[in-house]
Every structure is written in structure tokens, then in C-alpha cells.
């Protein structure tokens, strides 16, 4: 009966997105239906057909190459802090991962590379190609499709950075799709780290996390357009202009474009670091204040515990048995308040018998997203630095992406539960 529980939960999660919609009359049901069909087809292929899952995994090789190239630069500049060999034996790989020196520098490389590809007019051609395909399937435009697809492999700042010139004119609903996609997926630069943590409790963890990011792409599009539909006053997608070329300055050449892209990327990195420090500090401050309240069930109150209780129903909707829902909700709460890295580490450290294998698999999918307070800081800092003219929209939409991104990842978890019947 557990797969049936997951199926009912999928309907419930879509219903939750509908209840939270700011314009229920204009929810694009054709897009929702097409997106869910794509979501289920991908799930059937990637979860139930191992050969397809293995073949798709090779697509991550390109991202691995980009990450390795970035690590070559960071390890040269920062040594072992940047991912180089440590001068001691590493017993805990998670402890040797330094976000500022290993993951965030990828923004610099993507910024420079995307500026170069715009200079060569490569990205506009790709965007037009995505526009043609996605308009005839799900019904979204090219820039959204490019950013959503990039989010499978790179982070929430690097993906929209590739389509930066389009962000200035993107609709409010389209901007929300891009932001939700970033919150509902994880970057290729950290997938291997997460897989290392889960290697003893989940079969083929890297393949599962990569599959989760793939399934989260149509899920994020569906949930986003249900919560914030397109403005009916805007022209249909097929009539919008998507051929944007990056303006060229006099005397531009390959090196000048790379230099400008790198400098722009540096501003993004600084904004991301600043917002990340502030929001994580505020979470710690909130926990310190809550800690003055009386203990509940023999332990101090924290934001993680409060969110864990609130998210236990989501665990049930994904198909996790009632007896395991509290433990699963606690992990979802940890992921939302802190981050998915700590949640994965807690999942791996649970006493044997706390969660069944199927529940661990569902949580592997549900935790594979950046929908947390630190992710919120990264996204706000990065996008505002990219398109300061859209600051009001970004700041207003950002808190809602915590909800939309969480619903999208839980939808992926429920889908994994639906297709895991043995």
C-alpha cells in the first residue's frame, strides 16, 4: 500500500501548490499536465530502467570536467582549502569541503565562460533551440528551459548566470520558475560529496541524486506555474522575443570578454558570501532566542525541531510510514533550516532500523535541493548582483521559493516512492 500512499501524496502536493496559488483562475493546466507527464516518463526511465540511468549519468561527465578544471585553479591558489591534497590523512571528506574555496569559485568560471559564449553568439542559438522544443512540449520559453536544464548540473547562481541578459525582461512568473529550479536541485559540484556520505545506506547514491535533479526540473516548472501563473496580459510565449545578443563594446576580443565576465563573477561571489554569512547567523541567533523557552519532550526547542514537526505530514505524503514520519520530518527540518549536507550526514548516521531502505531512498530524493535559509541567501545575493533592476521582484519572490522548492523536491520523493514497489 505504500506506493498508493505516494500516489495520493503526489495529488496532495499538487493540491497544496494550487491552494498557495496567487491566481487560481489562470493556472495553466495544460502546462501542468504536460510537465507531470514528462516528470513521470523521466522517472520511469531513470528509476526502473538501470541502463538508461547509467547512460544518463555520463552527461554529468561534462560538469565533472568543469568542476575539476575549477578545482585545478582553486587548489593552485588556496592549496588543500581549495580542494588540493591535504597534508594529512582525511577521515571525514565532508569536513574537508570548504564552500567558499571549492564550490563558490565555480561561479567565476561559469561567469567567464558564459560571457565568452555570448560573445561568440552561441548561447542565443541554444536558447532559441530550447524555445522551439519546450514551447511544443511543456509550453515554457527558451531562457527558462536553459536555466532549468542547467540547474540539473550547476548551482542556483551559475544556471541563471548563463542567461543573464534575458533576466532583465523575463516575466515575474518566469523569474519565479528560474528561482524555484535553483532551490529544487543541487549542483554537480557537491553531488559526489553527497554520494560519498550516502554510499553505505543507498544503492548507487550518485545516480539517485542526479536522477532527483532531473526529475526536479519539470516538477519545479509545474509547481512554480501553479503558485504564480503567467500574467494573462502578457503576449503568448510563442510571440515573445527570445533572440537576445550580449551588447559588444568597441574593441572587444576574447580576453577582454573573459576579463569582464570574471570581474562580474567576483561581484556575485562576494554578494553570495555576504548573504550566506548573514542568514546562517540569523538562524543561529533565532535558535539562541528560542532556546530560552522550556524544553519540549526532553530537548531544547530549535528551528530544526519546529520545522521537523511541521514537515512530518510531508513525509507521510511522500509514502513514508507513520512510524518513520517523525524521523523523516526531522531530516526535512534540518535540511530547511541548515542545509542538505547536514541532513544527508544525519540520514547516514541514523541508528540501524530507524528508516527502511525505501524510506531512505525517498529521503535521498526529497533532500536533494537547495531550498533552505542558506540557499535563500545565496540566491538573493547572486540574483540581485546579476540584475539589480529586478531587486524588488527577487526579494519579494525569494521567500516563496522556500515553499515551492520544498514542494518540488517532495514531489520527487513521492515519485521515487511510487516507482519503488519492491
Protein backbone atom coordinates (compact mmCIF):
# COMPACT_ATOMS: atom_id res chain seq x y z
CA UNK A 1 0.00 0.00 0.00
CA UNK A 2 2.95 2.37 0.38
CA UNK A 3 3.20 3.16 -3.37
CA UNK A 4 -0.51 4.01 -3.25
CA UNK A 5 0.26 6.34 -0.33
CA UNK A 6 2.88 8.03 -2.52
CA UNK A 7 0.38 8.37 -5.37
CA UNK A 8 -2.17 10.03 -3.10
CA UNK A 9 0.63 12.21 -1.76
CA UNK A 10 1.50 13.43 -5.27
CA UNK A 11 -2.08 14.61 -5.70
CA UNK A 12 -1.88 16.22 -2.25
CA UNK A 13 1.34 18.07 -3.06
CA UNK A 14 -0.13 19.42 -6.30
CA UNK A 15 -3.23 20.42 -4.35
CA UNK A 16 -1.05 22.26 -1.83
CA UNK A 17 0.61 24.23 -4.65
CA UNK A 18 -2.83 25.09 -6.00
CA UNK A 19 -4.05 26.29 -2.60
CA UNK A 20 -1.00 28.56 -2.39
CA UNK A 21 -1.56 29.96 -5.89
CA UNK A 22 -1.86 33.73 -6.11
CA UNK A 23 -4.17 33.47 -9.15
CA UNK A 24 -6.08 30.17 -9.21
CA UNK A 25 -8.17 31.13 -12.25
CA UNK A 26 -5.13 31.36 -14.51
CA UNK A 27 -3.26 28.19 -13.52
CA UNK A 28 -2.03 26.77 -16.88
CA UNK A 29 -3.48 23.28 -16.58
CA UNK A 30 -2.17 22.17 -19.97
CA UNK A 31 1.35 23.05 -18.87
CA UNK A 32 0.81 21.32 -15.53
CA UNK A 33 -0.40 18.16 -17.27
CA UNK A 34 2.43 18.15 -19.81
CA UNK A 35 5.00 18.78 -17.10
CA UNK A 36 3.73 15.92 -14.94
CA UNK A 37 3.69 13.55 -17.92
CA UNK A 38 7.32 14.46 -18.63
CA UNK A 39 8.12 14.04 -14.92
CA UNK A 40 6.64 10.52 -14.79
CA UNK A 41 8.18 9.42 -18.09
CA UNK A 42 11.62 10.50 -16.88
CA UNK A 43 11.01 8.75 -13.55
CA UNK A 44 10.01 5.50 -15.26
CA UNK A 45 13.11 5.58 -17.44
CA UNK A 46 15.63 6.66 -14.82
CA UNK A 47 14.33 4.69 -11.84
CA UNK A 48 13.06 1.48 -13.41
CA UNK A 49 15.49 1.15 -16.34
CA UNK A 50 19.04 0.92 -14.91
CA UNK A 51 20.66 1.07 -18.35
CA UNK A 52 19.05 4.45 -19.04
CA UNK A 53 20.08 5.74 -15.62
CA UNK A 54 23.65 4.63 -16.21
CA UNK A 55 23.74 6.18 -19.67
CA UNK A 56 22.33 9.47 -18.41
CA UNK A 57 24.98 9.54 -15.72
CA UNK A 58 27.58 10.12 -18.42
CA UNK A 59 26.08 13.58 -19.00
CA UNK A 60 27.47 14.52 -15.63
CA UNK A 61 30.98 13.97 -17.01
CA UNK A 62 30.91 17.43 -18.61
CA UNK A 63 30.08 19.01 -15.28
CA UNK A 64 32.72 16.91 -13.58
CA UNK A 65 35.24 18.21 -16.11
CA UNK A 66 34.20 21.81 -15.41
CA UNK A 67 34.39 21.20 -11.66
CA UNK A 68 37.79 19.54 -11.96
CA UNK A 69 39.07 22.46 -14.04
CA UNK A 70 37.84 24.88 -11.38
CA UNK A 71 39.46 22.78 -8.66
CA UNK A 72 42.76 22.97 -10.55
CA UNK A 73 42.60 26.75 -10.19
CA UNK A 74 41.39 26.80 -6.58
CA UNK A 75 43.92 24.22 -5.41
CA UNK A 76 46.70 26.22 -7.10
CA UNK A 77 45.63 29.40 -5.30
CA UNK A 78 44.28 28.03 -1.99
CA UNK A 79 46.02 24.66 -1.69
CA UNK A 80 44.13 21.99 0.25
CA UNK A 81 41.45 24.54 1.21
CA UNK A 82 40.61 24.76 -2.48
CA UNK A 83 40.35 21.00 -2.96
CA UNK A 84 44.02 20.08 -3.28
CA UNK A 85 45.68 17.19 -1.45
CA UNK A 86 45.61 17.58 2.30
CA UNK A 87 48.86 17.31 4.27
CA UNK A 88 47.21 14.65 6.44
CA UNK A 89 45.03 11.59 6.02
CA UNK A 90 41.38 12.62 5.54
CA UNK A 91 38.97 10.51 7.56
CA UNK A 92 35.90 12.71 7.06
CA UNK A 93 35.53 14.00 3.47
CA UNK A 94 32.65 16.30 4.47
CA UNK A 95 34.89 18.16 6.91
CA UNK A 96 37.46 18.90 4.20
CA UNK A 97 34.88 20.55 1.92
CA UNK A 98 35.20 24.35 2.17
CA UNK A 99 32.28 26.04 0.41
CA UNK A 100 33.96 29.42 -0.12
CA UNK A 101 37.10 27.96 -1.68
CA UNK A 102 35.74 24.92 -3.55
CA UNK A 103 32.11 25.43 -4.64
CA UNK A 104 31.69 29.20 -4.99
CA UNK A 105 34.69 29.74 -7.33
CA UNK A 106 32.72 27.79 -9.93
CA UNK A 107 30.67 31.00 -10.27
CA UNK A 108 33.80 32.76 -11.55
CA UNK A 109 34.45 30.12 -14.19
CA UNK A 110 30.83 29.94 -15.36
CA UNK A 111 30.62 33.74 -15.48
CA UNK A 112 33.72 33.99 -17.68
CA UNK A 113 32.67 31.04 -19.85
CA UNK A 114 29.11 32.28 -20.38
CA UNK A 115 30.38 35.77 -21.27
CA UNK A 116 32.63 34.19 -23.87
CA UNK A 117 29.83 32.03 -25.29
CA UNK A 118 27.60 35.10 -25.54
CA UNK A 119 30.44 36.94 -27.31
CA UNK A 120 30.51 34.12 -29.86
CA UNK A 121 26.67 34.17 -30.05
CA UNK A 122 26.49 30.51 -29.03
CA UNK A 123 24.07 30.80 -26.09
CA UNK A 124 21.40 32.76 -28.04
CA UNK A 125 21.28 29.91 -30.57
CA UNK A 126 20.89 27.36 -27.76
CA UNK A 127 18.12 29.46 -26.20
CA UNK A 128 16.21 29.61 -29.47
CA UNK A 129 16.55 25.83 -29.76
CA UNK A 130 15.17 25.27 -26.27
CA UNK A 131 12.39 27.75 -27.00
CA UNK A 132 11.27 25.72 -30.02
CA UNK A 133 11.29 22.38 -28.16
CA UNK A 134 9.83 23.48 -24.84
CA UNK A 135 7.05 25.58 -26.30
CA UNK A 136 5.79 22.48 -28.09
CA UNK A 137 6.04 20.20 -25.05
CA UNK A 138 5.61 21.83 -21.67
CA UNK A 139 4.99 25.33 -23.01
CA UNK A 140 7.81 27.36 -21.43
CA UNK A 141 10.15 29.74 -23.20
CA UNK A 142 13.79 29.22 -24.11
CA UNK A 143 15.64 31.11 -21.35
CA UNK A 144 13.60 29.36 -18.66
CA UNK A 145 14.31 26.00 -20.28
CA UNK A 146 18.04 26.67 -20.47
CA UNK A 147 18.26 27.76 -16.82
CA UNK A 148 16.10 24.85 -15.67
CA UNK A 149 18.24 22.35 -17.56
CA UNK A 150 21.47 23.93 -16.33
CA UNK A 151 20.20 23.60 -12.76
CA UNK A 152 20.42 19.82 -13.09
CA UNK A 153 24.19 20.14 -13.10
CA UNK A 154 25.20 23.52 -11.66
CA UNK A 155 24.08 25.74 -8.80
CA UNK A 156 21.31 28.30 -8.40
CA UNK A 157 23.60 31.21 -9.29
CA UNK A 158 25.59 29.61 -12.10
CA UNK A 159 22.48 28.47 -14.02
CA UNK A 160 20.76 31.88 -14.37
CA UNK A 161 24.18 33.42 -14.96
CA UNK A 162 24.22 31.64 -18.33
CA UNK A 163 21.09 33.55 -19.40
CA UNK A 164 21.87 36.77 -17.55
CA UNK A 165 20.88 39.16 -20.41
CA UNK A 166 17.39 37.59 -20.52
CA UNK A 167 16.70 38.12 -16.81
CA UNK A 168 16.10 41.84 -17.22
CA UNK A 169 12.98 41.28 -19.33
CA UNK A 170 11.83 37.88 -18.02
CA UNK A 171 8.28 37.88 -16.68
CA UNK A 172 7.66 37.70 -12.94
CA UNK A 173 6.33 34.15 -13.29
CA UNK A 174 9.30 33.14 -15.42
CA UNK A 175 11.70 34.58 -12.86
CA UNK A 176 9.92 32.52 -10.18
CA UNK A 177 10.38 29.35 -12.26
CA UNK A 178 14.11 30.02 -12.57
CA UNK A 179 14.44 30.69 -8.83
CA UNK A 180 12.40 27.62 -7.86
CA UNK A 181 14.50 25.45 -10.17
CA UNK A 182 17.60 26.56 -8.30
CA UNK A 183 16.04 25.73 -4.94
CA UNK A 184 14.75 22.32 -6.07
CA UNK A 185 18.08 20.93 -7.36
CA UNK A 186 21.67 20.54 -6.19
CA UNK A 187 24.85 21.45 -8.03
CA UNK A 188 27.04 18.89 -9.73
CA UNK A 189 29.97 20.23 -7.71
CA UNK A 190 28.52 18.75 -4.50
CA UNK A 191 26.79 15.62 -5.84
CA UNK A 192 29.91 13.49 -5.40
CA UNK A 193 30.27 14.73 -1.82
CA UNK A 194 26.69 13.77 -1.00
CA UNK A 195 27.10 10.41 -2.71
CA UNK A 196 30.18 9.73 -0.57
CA UNK A 197 28.13 10.36 2.57
CA UNK A 198 25.31 8.05 1.44
CA UNK A 199 27.40 5.26 -0.07
CA UNK A 200 26.65 2.78 2.74
CA UNK A 201 22.90 3.37 3.05
CA UNK A 202 21.60 3.87 -0.52
CA UNK A 203 22.30 1.87 -3.68
CA UNK A 204 24.04 3.95 -6.40
CA UNK A 205 23.72 7.24 -4.48
CA UNK A 206 25.29 9.42 -7.20
CA UNK A 207 22.84 8.09 -9.77
CA UNK A 208 19.93 8.65 -7.38
CA UNK A 209 20.91 12.26 -6.61
CA UNK A 210 21.44 13.03 -10.30
CA UNK A 211 18.06 11.46 -11.09
CA UNK A 212 16.48 13.60 -8.36
CA UNK A 213 17.81 16.76 -10.01
CA UNK A 214 16.48 15.64 -13.39
CA UNK A 215 13.00 14.91 -12.00
CA UNK A 216 13.01 18.18 -10.08
CA UNK A 217 13.26 20.19 -13.31
CA UNK A 218 9.72 19.53 -14.63
CA UNK A 219 8.46 19.38 -11.03
CA UNK A 220 9.79 22.89 -10.34
CA UNK A 221 8.20 24.23 -13.55
CA UNK A 222 4.82 22.70 -12.65
CA UNK A 223 4.81 23.89 -9.03
CA UNK A 224 6.05 27.37 -9.97
CA UNK A 225 3.37 27.99 -12.59
CA UNK A 226 0.69 26.68 -10.24
CA UNK A 227 1.75 29.05 -7.46
CA UNK A 228 2.47 32.06 -9.69
CA UNK A 229 0.82 31.75 -13.13
CA UNK A 230 1.84 33.95 -16.02
CA UNK A 231 0.14 37.33 -16.26
CA UNK A 232 -2.70 36.86 -18.80
CA UNK A 233 -1.99 40.37 -20.10
CA UNK A 234 1.41 39.27 -21.44
CA UNK A 235 1.77 38.03 -25.04
CA UNK A 236 1.74 34.23 -25.51
CA UNK A 237 5.14 32.58 -25.17
CA UNK A 238 5.31 31.87 -28.87
CA UNK A 239 5.10 35.58 -29.64
CA UNK A 240 7.83 36.72 -27.25
CA UNK A 241 11.28 37.66 -28.41
CA UNK A 242 13.99 35.31 -27.18
CA UNK A 243 16.83 36.27 -29.51
CA UNK A 244 18.94 38.43 -27.19
CA UNK A 245 22.53 39.19 -28.05
CA UNK A 246 25.01 40.43 -25.49
CA UNK A 247 25.99 44.01 -26.38
CA UNK A 248 29.56 44.26 -27.55
CA UNK A 249 31.84 47.11 -26.60
CA UNK A 250 34.27 48.64 -29.12
CA UNK A 251 37.48 46.65 -29.32
CA UNK A 252 36.02 43.57 -27.61
CA UNK A 253 38.03 40.40 -28.04
CA UNK A 254 38.18 37.04 -26.34
CA UNK A 255 40.42 38.12 -23.46
CA UNK A 256 38.54 41.34 -22.72
CA UNK A 257 35.25 39.43 -22.57
CA UNK A 258 36.74 36.76 -20.26
CA UNK A 259 38.16 39.50 -18.02
CA UNK A 260 34.82 41.31 -17.81
CA UNK A 261 32.99 38.07 -17.11
CA UNK A 262 35.45 37.18 -14.34
CA UNK A 263 35.07 40.58 -12.67
CA UNK A 264 31.27 40.28 -12.84
CA UNK A 265 31.57 36.81 -11.33
CA UNK A 266 33.70 38.13 -8.48
CA UNK A 267 30.94 40.57 -7.52
CA UNK A 268 28.49 37.66 -7.47
CA UNK A 269 30.75 35.58 -5.23
CA UNK A 270 31.14 38.43 -2.73
CA UNK A 271 27.37 39.01 -2.65
CA UNK A 272 26.71 35.31 -2.13
CA UNK A 273 29.26 35.03 0.69
CA UNK A 274 27.86 38.08 2.46
CA UNK A 275 24.22 36.91 2.30
CA UNK A 276 25.20 33.39 3.31
CA UNK A 277 27.03 34.59 6.42
CA UNK A 278 24.16 36.85 7.46
CA UNK A 279 21.31 34.35 7.02
CA UNK A 280 23.13 31.47 8.70
CA UNK A 281 24.00 33.81 11.57
CA UNK A 282 20.35 34.87 11.88
CA UNK A 283 19.28 31.22 12.09
CA UNK A 284 21.80 30.71 14.89
CA UNK A 285 20.50 33.83 16.63
CA UNK A 286 16.90 32.64 16.32
CA UNK A 287 17.85 29.27 17.82
CA UNK A 288 19.58 31.04 20.71
CA UNK A 289 16.45 33.06 21.45
CA UNK A 290 14.14 30.02 21.14
CA UNK A 291 16.48 28.15 23.45
CA UNK A 292 15.25 30.27 26.39
CA UNK A 293 11.86 28.58 26.12
CA UNK A 294 11.16 25.47 28.24
CA UNK A 295 12.33 22.13 26.86
CA UNK A 296 9.82 20.10 24.86
CA UNK A 297 9.85 16.29 25.05
CA UNK A 298 13.13 16.39 26.93
CA UNK A 299 15.09 18.57 24.48
CA UNK A 300 15.51 22.30 23.78
CA UNK A 301 13.42 23.87 21.05
CA UNK A 302 15.19 24.80 17.80
CA UNK A 303 14.03 25.91 14.37
CA UNK A 304 15.08 22.47 13.10
CA UNK A 305 12.74 20.68 15.53
CA UNK A 306 9.85 23.06 14.84
CA UNK A 307 10.21 22.66 11.07
CA UNK A 308 10.61 18.92 11.57
CA UNK A 309 7.22 18.64 13.28
CA UNK A 310 5.65 20.84 10.61
CA UNK A 311 7.11 18.67 7.84
CA UNK A 312 6.11 15.27 9.20
CA UNK A 313 2.90 15.41 7.10
CA UNK A 314 5.07 15.92 4.01
CA UNK A 315 6.94 12.73 4.90
CA UNK A 316 3.62 10.88 5.03
CA UNK A 317 2.58 12.35 1.67
CA UNK A 318 5.77 11.05 0.10
CA UNK A 319 4.89 7.50 1.14
CA UNK A 320 6.91 7.12 4.35
CA UNK A 321 5.13 5.01 7.02
CA UNK A 322 3.67 6.76 10.06
CA UNK A 323 6.15 5.04 12.36
CA UNK A 324 9.03 6.71 10.47
CA UNK A 325 7.40 10.06 9.68
CA UNK A 326 8.79 11.91 12.72
CA UNK A 327 12.38 10.89 11.97
CA UNK A 328 11.91 11.79 8.29
CA UNK A 329 10.32 15.13 9.20
CA UNK A 330 13.27 15.94 11.44
CA UNK A 331 15.64 15.42 8.49
CA UNK A 332 13.47 17.65 6.29
CA UNK A 333 13.54 20.27 9.04
CA UNK A 334 17.32 20.10 9.31
CA UNK A 335 17.63 20.48 5.56
CA UNK A 336 15.34 23.53 5.52
CA UNK A 337 16.86 25.37 8.47
CA UNK A 338 20.53 24.40 7.94
CA UNK A 339 21.33 22.67 4.64
CA UNK A 340 21.06 19.39 2.75
CA UNK A 341 24.69 18.44 3.52
CA UNK A 342 23.98 18.25 7.26
CA UNK A 343 20.66 16.49 6.60
CA UNK A 344 22.39 13.83 4.47
CA UNK A 345 25.02 13.37 7.18
CA UNK A 346 22.26 12.93 9.78
CA UNK A 347 20.47 10.45 7.50
CA UNK A 348 23.65 8.38 7.19
CA UNK A 349 24.16 8.49 10.97
CA UNK A 350 20.68 7.28 11.96
CA UNK A 351 20.67 4.10 14.06
CA UNK A 352 20.03 0.94 12.06
CA UNK A 353 16.33 0.21 11.79
CA UNK A 354 15.17 3.82 12.17
CA UNK A 355 14.23 4.01 8.48
CA UNK A 356 13.55 1.22 5.99
CA UNK A 357 15.50 1.12 2.71
CA UNK A 358 12.54 2.54 0.76
CA UNK A 359 12.21 5.49 3.15
CA UNK A 360 15.95 6.21 2.88
CA UNK A 361 15.62 6.26 -0.91
CA UNK A 362 12.64 8.64 -0.78
CA UNK A 363 14.56 11.00 1.51
CA UNK A 364 17.58 10.87 -0.79
CA UNK A 365 15.33 12.45 -3.44
CA UNK A 366 13.48 14.80 -1.10
CA UNK A 367 16.67 16.23 0.44
CA UNK A 368 18.34 16.83 -2.96
CA UNK A 369 17.65 20.55 -3.18
CA UNK A 370 18.94 23.93 -2.02
CA UNK A 371 15.58 25.02 -0.51
CA UNK A 372 16.93 26.23 2.82
CA UNK A 373 17.83 29.51 4.51
CA UNK A 374 21.45 29.43 3.40
CA UNK A 375 20.34 28.67 -0.15
CA UNK A 376 17.98 31.64 0.10
CA UNK A 377 20.92 33.86 0.95
CA UNK A 378 22.96 32.54 -1.97
CA UNK A 379 20.12 33.10 -4.40
CA UNK A 380 19.21 36.61 -3.25
CA UNK A 381 22.82 37.72 -3.19
CA UNK A 382 23.60 36.25 -6.60
CA UNK A 383 20.49 37.35 -8.49
CA UNK A 384 20.41 40.88 -7.07
CA UNK A 385 24.04 41.35 -8.07
CA UNK A 386 23.22 39.99 -11.55
CA UNK A 387 20.12 42.07 -12.22
CA UNK A 388 19.84 44.89 -9.65
CA UNK A 389 16.94 46.35 -11.59
CA UNK A 390 14.86 43.28 -10.60
CA UNK A 391 15.73 43.58 -6.91
CA UNK A 392 12.12 44.19 -5.82
CA UNK A 393 10.83 41.11 -7.66
CA UNK A 394 13.69 38.91 -6.43
CA UNK A 395 13.33 39.90 -2.77
CA UNK A 396 9.55 39.55 -2.92
CA UNK A 397 9.59 36.13 -4.60
CA UNK A 398 12.57 34.61 -2.77
CA UNK A 399 10.79 33.53 0.47
CA UNK A 400 8.12 31.75 -1.59
CA UNK A 401 10.79 29.68 -3.30
CA UNK A 402 11.49 28.00 0.04
CA UNK A 403 7.95 26.61 -0.23
CA UNK A 404 7.90 25.92 -3.98
CA UNK A 405 11.36 24.33 -3.93
CA UNK A 406 10.42 22.12 -0.97
CA UNK A 407 7.16 21.00 -2.62
CA UNK A 408 9.07 20.19 -5.83
CA UNK A 409 11.67 18.05 -4.04
CA UNK A 410 8.96 16.31 -2.00
CA UNK A 411 7.15 15.63 -5.26
CA UNK A 412 10.32 13.91 -6.49
CA UNK A 413 10.49 11.93 -3.24
CA UNK A 414 6.86 10.83 -3.65
CA UNK A 415 7.55 9.83 -7.26
CA UNK A 416 10.52 7.74 -6.14
CA UNK A 417 8.22 6.10 -3.60
CA UNK A 418 5.59 5.48 -6.29
CA UNK A 419 8.08 3.70 -8.56
CA UNK A 420 9.74 1.76 -5.71
CA UNK A 421 7.29 -1.03 -5.05
CA UNK A 422 9.78 -3.83 -4.41
